[in-house]
Amino acid sequence: MRKRLGLMIALTVLAGCAALVAVMLGHVAHNDIGLTRLEIRHSALIASAVIAVLLVT
């Protein structure tokens, strides 16, 4: 039971960190680099598809 709880906490922290990094990268891309929200969205979709394919294989 403790092991499962520890795993769930670790996965929650990992997901939270990933979301925070994604928000920070989006902010930098939009405000510093000057990409539009649509360009960021398309790039994120392509990147997530590549990551999903790599995780599945």
N, C-alpha and C. Protein backbone atom coordinates (compact mmCIF):
# COMPACT_ATOMS: atom_id res chain seq x y z
N MET A 1 0.82 -1.19 0.00
CA MET A 1 0.00 0.00 0.00
C MET A 1 0.87 1.26 0.00
N ARG A 2 1.90 1.28 0.84
CA ARG A 2 2.78 2.45 0.91
C ARG A 2 3.53 2.64 -0.41
N LYS A 3 3.92 1.52 -1.02
CA LYS A 3 4.66 1.60 -2.28
C LYS A 3 3.79 2.21 -3.38
N ARG A 4 2.53 1.81 -3.41
CA ARG A 4 1.61 2.33 -4.42
C ARG A 4 1.34 3.82 -4.19
N LEU A 5 1.20 4.21 -2.94
CA LEU A 5 0.99 5.62 -2.61
C LEU A 5 2.20 6.45 -3.02
N GLY A 6 3.40 5.93 -2.75
CA GLY A 6 4.62 6.62 -3.15
C GLY A 6 4.72 6.77 -4.65
N LEU A 7 4.30 5.75 -5.38
CA LEU A 7 4.32 5.82 -6.85
C LEU A 7 3.33 6.85 -7.36
N MET A 8 2.15 6.91 -6.76
CA MET A 8 1.14 7.89 -7.18
C MET A 8 1.61 9.32 -6.89
N ILE A 9 2.25 9.52 -5.75
CA ILE A 9 2.77 10.85 -5.43
C ILE A 9 3.87 11.24 -6.40
N ALA A 10 4.75 10.30 -6.72
CA ALA A 10 5.84 10.58 -7.66
C ALA A 10 5.30 10.92 -9.04
N LEU A 11 4.29 10.20 -9.51
CA LEU A 11 3.71 10.49 -10.82
C LEU A 11 2.99 11.83 -10.84
N THR A 12 2.35 12.18 -9.73
CA THR A 12 1.67 13.47 -9.63
C THR A 12 2.68 14.62 -9.67
N VAL A 13 3.77 14.48 -8.95
CA VAL A 13 4.81 15.50 -8.96
C VAL A 13 5.43 15.61 -10.35
N LEU A 14 5.66 14.49 -11.00
CA LEU A 14 6.23 14.50 -12.34
C LEU A 14 5.29 15.18 -13.34
N ALA A 15 4.01 14.89 -13.26
CA ALA A 15 3.04 15.53 -14.16
C ALA A 15 2.95 17.02 -13.89
N GLY A 16 3.00 17.41 -12.64
CA GLY A 16 2.97 18.84 -12.29
C GLY A 16 4.19 19.57 -12.81
N CYS A 17 5.35 18.96 -12.68
CA CYS A 17 6.58 19.57 -13.20
C CYS A 17 6.53 19.70 -14.72
N ALA A 18 6.02 18.68 -15.39
CA ALA A 18 5.92 18.73 -16.84
C ALA A 18 4.98 19.84 -17.29
N ALA A 19 3.88 20.00 -16.58
CA ALA A 19 2.93 21.07 -16.92
C ALA A 19 3.56 22.44 -16.70
N LEU A 20 4.30 22.59 -15.62
CA LEU A 20 4.96 23.86 -15.33
C LEU A 20 6.00 24.20 -16.40
N VAL A 21 6.77 23.22 -16.82
CA VAL A 21 7.76 23.45 -17.88
C VAL A 21 7.07 23.81 -19.19
N ALA A 22 5.95 23.16 -19.50
CA ALA A 22 5.23 23.47 -20.73
C ALA A 22 4.70 24.90 -20.72
N VAL A 23 4.18 25.34 -19.58
CA VAL A 23 3.69 26.71 -19.47
C VAL A 23 4.83 27.71 -19.61
N MET A 24 5.96 27.42 -18.98
CA MET A 24 7.12 28.32 -19.08
C MET A 24 7.64 28.41 -20.50
N LEU A 25 7.73 27.28 -21.19
CA LEU A 25 8.19 27.30 -22.58
C LEU A 25 7.21 28.05 -23.48
N GLY A 26 5.92 27.88 -23.24
CA GLY A 26 4.93 28.62 -24.01
C GLY A 26 5.03 30.11 -23.78
N HIS A 27 5.28 30.51 -22.55
CA HIS A 27 5.44 31.93 -22.23
C HIS A 27 6.66 32.51 -22.94
N VAL A 28 7.77 31.81 -22.90
CA VAL A 28 8.99 32.29 -23.57
C VAL A 28 8.78 32.36 -25.08
N ALA A 29 8.15 31.33 -25.64
CA ALA A 29 7.93 31.32 -27.09
C ALA A 29 7.01 32.45 -27.52
N HIS A 30 6.02 32.76 -26.71
CA HIS A 30 5.06 33.79 -27.08
C HIS A 30 5.60 35.19 -26.84
N ASN A 31 6.17 35.43 -25.67
CA ASN A 31 6.57 36.78 -25.30
C ASN A 31 7.98 37.15 -25.76
N ASP A 32 8.93 36.23 -25.71
CA ASP A 32 10.30 36.56 -26.06
C ASP A 32 10.61 36.32 -27.54
N ILE A 33 10.16 35.20 -28.07
CA ILE A 33 10.47 34.86 -29.46
C ILE A 33 9.46 35.49 -30.41
N GLY A 34 8.23 35.67 -29.96
CA GLY A 34 7.23 36.34 -30.77
C GLY A 34 6.34 35.42 -31.59
N LEU A 35 6.29 34.15 -31.23
CA LEU A 35 5.40 33.23 -31.94
C LEU A 35 3.96 33.48 -31.53
N THR A 36 3.05 33.26 -32.47
CA THR A 36 1.63 33.40 -32.14
C THR A 36 1.17 32.15 -31.39
N ARG A 37 0.02 32.27 -30.75
CA ARG A 37 -0.53 31.12 -30.01
C ARG A 37 -0.81 29.95 -30.95
N LEU A 38 -1.24 30.24 -32.16
CA LEU A 38 -1.54 29.18 -33.12
C LEU A 38 -0.27 28.43 -33.52
N GLU A 39 0.81 29.15 -33.73
CA GLU A 39 2.08 28.50 -34.08
C GLU A 39 2.58 27.63 -32.93
N ILE A 40 2.42 28.11 -31.72
CA ILE A 40 2.83 27.33 -30.56
C ILE A 40 1.98 26.07 -30.45
N ARG A 41 0.68 26.20 -30.70
CA ARG A 41 -0.22 25.06 -30.59
C ARG A 41 0.12 23.98 -31.60
N HIS A 42 0.42 24.37 -32.84
CA HIS A 42 0.78 23.38 -33.86
C HIS A 42 2.09 22.69 -33.52
N SER A 43 3.07 23.45 -33.05
CA SER A 43 4.35 22.85 -32.67
C SER A 43 4.18 21.89 -31.50
N ALA A 44 3.34 22.26 -30.54
CA ALA A 44 3.10 21.39 -29.39
C ALA A 44 2.40 20.10 -29.81
N LEU A 45 1.48 20.19 -30.75
CA LEU A 45 0.79 19.00 -31.23
C LEU A 45 1.76 18.05 -31.92
N ILE A 46 2.62 18.58 -32.74
CA ILE A 46 3.61 17.75 -33.43
C ILE A 46 4.57 17.12 -32.43
N ALA A 47 5.05 17.91 -31.47
CA ALA A 47 5.98 17.39 -30.47
C ALA A 47 5.34 16.30 -29.62
N SER A 48 4.08 16.49 -29.23
CA SER A 48 3.40 15.48 -28.42
C SER A 48 3.18 14.20 -29.21
N ALA A 49 2.92 14.30 -30.50
CA ALA A 49 2.76 13.11 -31.33
C ALA A 49 4.07 12.34 -31.43
N VAL A 50 5.18 13.05 -31.58
CA VAL A 50 6.49 12.39 -31.65
C VAL A 50 6.80 11.70 -30.32
N ILE A 51 6.55 12.38 -29.21
CA ILE A 51 6.82 11.79 -27.90
C ILE A 51 5.94 10.56 -27.68
N ALA A 52 4.67 10.64 -28.09
CA ALA A 52 3.77 9.49 -27.92
C ALA A 52 4.25 8.29 -28.73
N VAL A 53 4.71 8.53 -29.95
CA VAL A 53 5.22 7.43 -30.79
C VAL A 53 6.45 6.81 -30.16
N LEU A 54 7.34 7.65 -29.62
CA LEU A 54 8.54 7.13 -28.98
C LEU A 54 8.21 6.33 -27.72
N LEU A 55 7.20 6.75 -26.98
CA LEU A 55 6.82 6.00 -25.78
C LEU A 55 6.17 4.68 -26.11
N VAL A 56 5.44 4.62 -27.19
CA VAL A 56 4.73 3.39 -27.55
C VAL A 56 5.70 2.34 -28.07
N THR A 57 6.70 2.78 -28.82
CA THR A 57 7.63 1.80 -29.41
C THR A 57 8.72 1.39 -28.47
